[in-house]
Amino acid sequence: MTGSTLEASSFNQTTVDWWRPSPAFDPSQAQPWNADAAAIARFQEDGAVLLHGVFDEWVEPLRAGLERNLAAPQDYAFPCESAPAGAPGRFFDSYCNWLLVPEYLDHVTKSCAASLAGQLMHSHRAQFFHEHAFCKEPGTQRATPWHQDLPYYCVDGTQTVSLYVSLDHVPAEVAVRFVRGSHRWGRLFYPRVFLDGADFNTGDDALEAIPDIDAHPEDYEILAWDLAPGDVIAFDFRTLHGTTAGRVQDRRRALSTRWLGDDVTYCRRPGETSPPFPDIGLAHGDRMREDWFPVIWRDIPGPGRHEE
């Protein structure tokens, strides 16, 4: 997903040497998550589900990691500013820094995120894709346009999940909202630039224009929740989501981690993807390589693990 510093032909603004092969991880370090059948069913049916307090113990570490991004954006990858110059507040995001920010790395490899992701996806494994940090400062009045995550990415499949961890108290009026069931429409929409909502990669014939959801709200069921620090929204890469342009009264910080399941493969899209992986060395339809995208969790029965 993209911000204001990007050119139309290249929407990834790199600043540092962000890519490197992932080191080996000990899966036993990752915390287990006790599966809740109702939450899994809601995720599968609605495409988005709120889980309270799952990451309470990670709020302070993730806030500290995000402050590294905010204090020195050019020291990290893909810093984006999606509020125009002179506009109130600040809408910042940055991604692919999990190997540069120790708090992000610990969260990915040691929290219950991978276990949670794998079970929600009905997958036998959870493969980490990347992370994405967000901050809207007080006074910000910039909507995040309606979009799906999948068309930005070099992957395809039905077993996907983003785990959006709220790091602040956020009222539903300015929180991320979701179109219930849109992951099951069988439709993919053009990615959009966060600054102005414009479509890009319009040469991809598999994509279509996003419907004007705000003009016809009666046609859709919109999900939105009040959030507390440590709450997580899990949502499918195909689920339409965005925010209103409501004024943010207090900081709205979050970290999303993106996870891939059993059926996800590499997708060679006509245009540049975000994040970009130009030297990935895969053919369309290949399974994503584990030396770049580590498998953090596997469904091995045992204490704290879910068995079907």
Foldseek 3Di string as FASTA:
>chain_A
DAADPADQAGGWDFQDPLADFDDDADLVLADFAQDDVVQLVQCVQFQKDKDPQLAQVLLVLVVVLVVVCVVCVSVATRWHWQEDPPAPWTKIKGKSCCVPRVSSVCCVQRYNVFNVLCSSLVFQFKWFDMKMKIKTAFFFQFKQDWFFQVVQDQKDDFRKKKKKFWNAFDAQQFDKKWFTRQSVPCAHAFDAYRNPRDGGPVVFPRHHHDDPCVVCVVVTDMDTHGGHGNMIMMGTSRIIMMHGSDGHHHMTIIMMIMIDGDQMAGHDRPGAHVVGDPPQPDDHRHHRDCSRTPTSDGQDDDPSGDDD
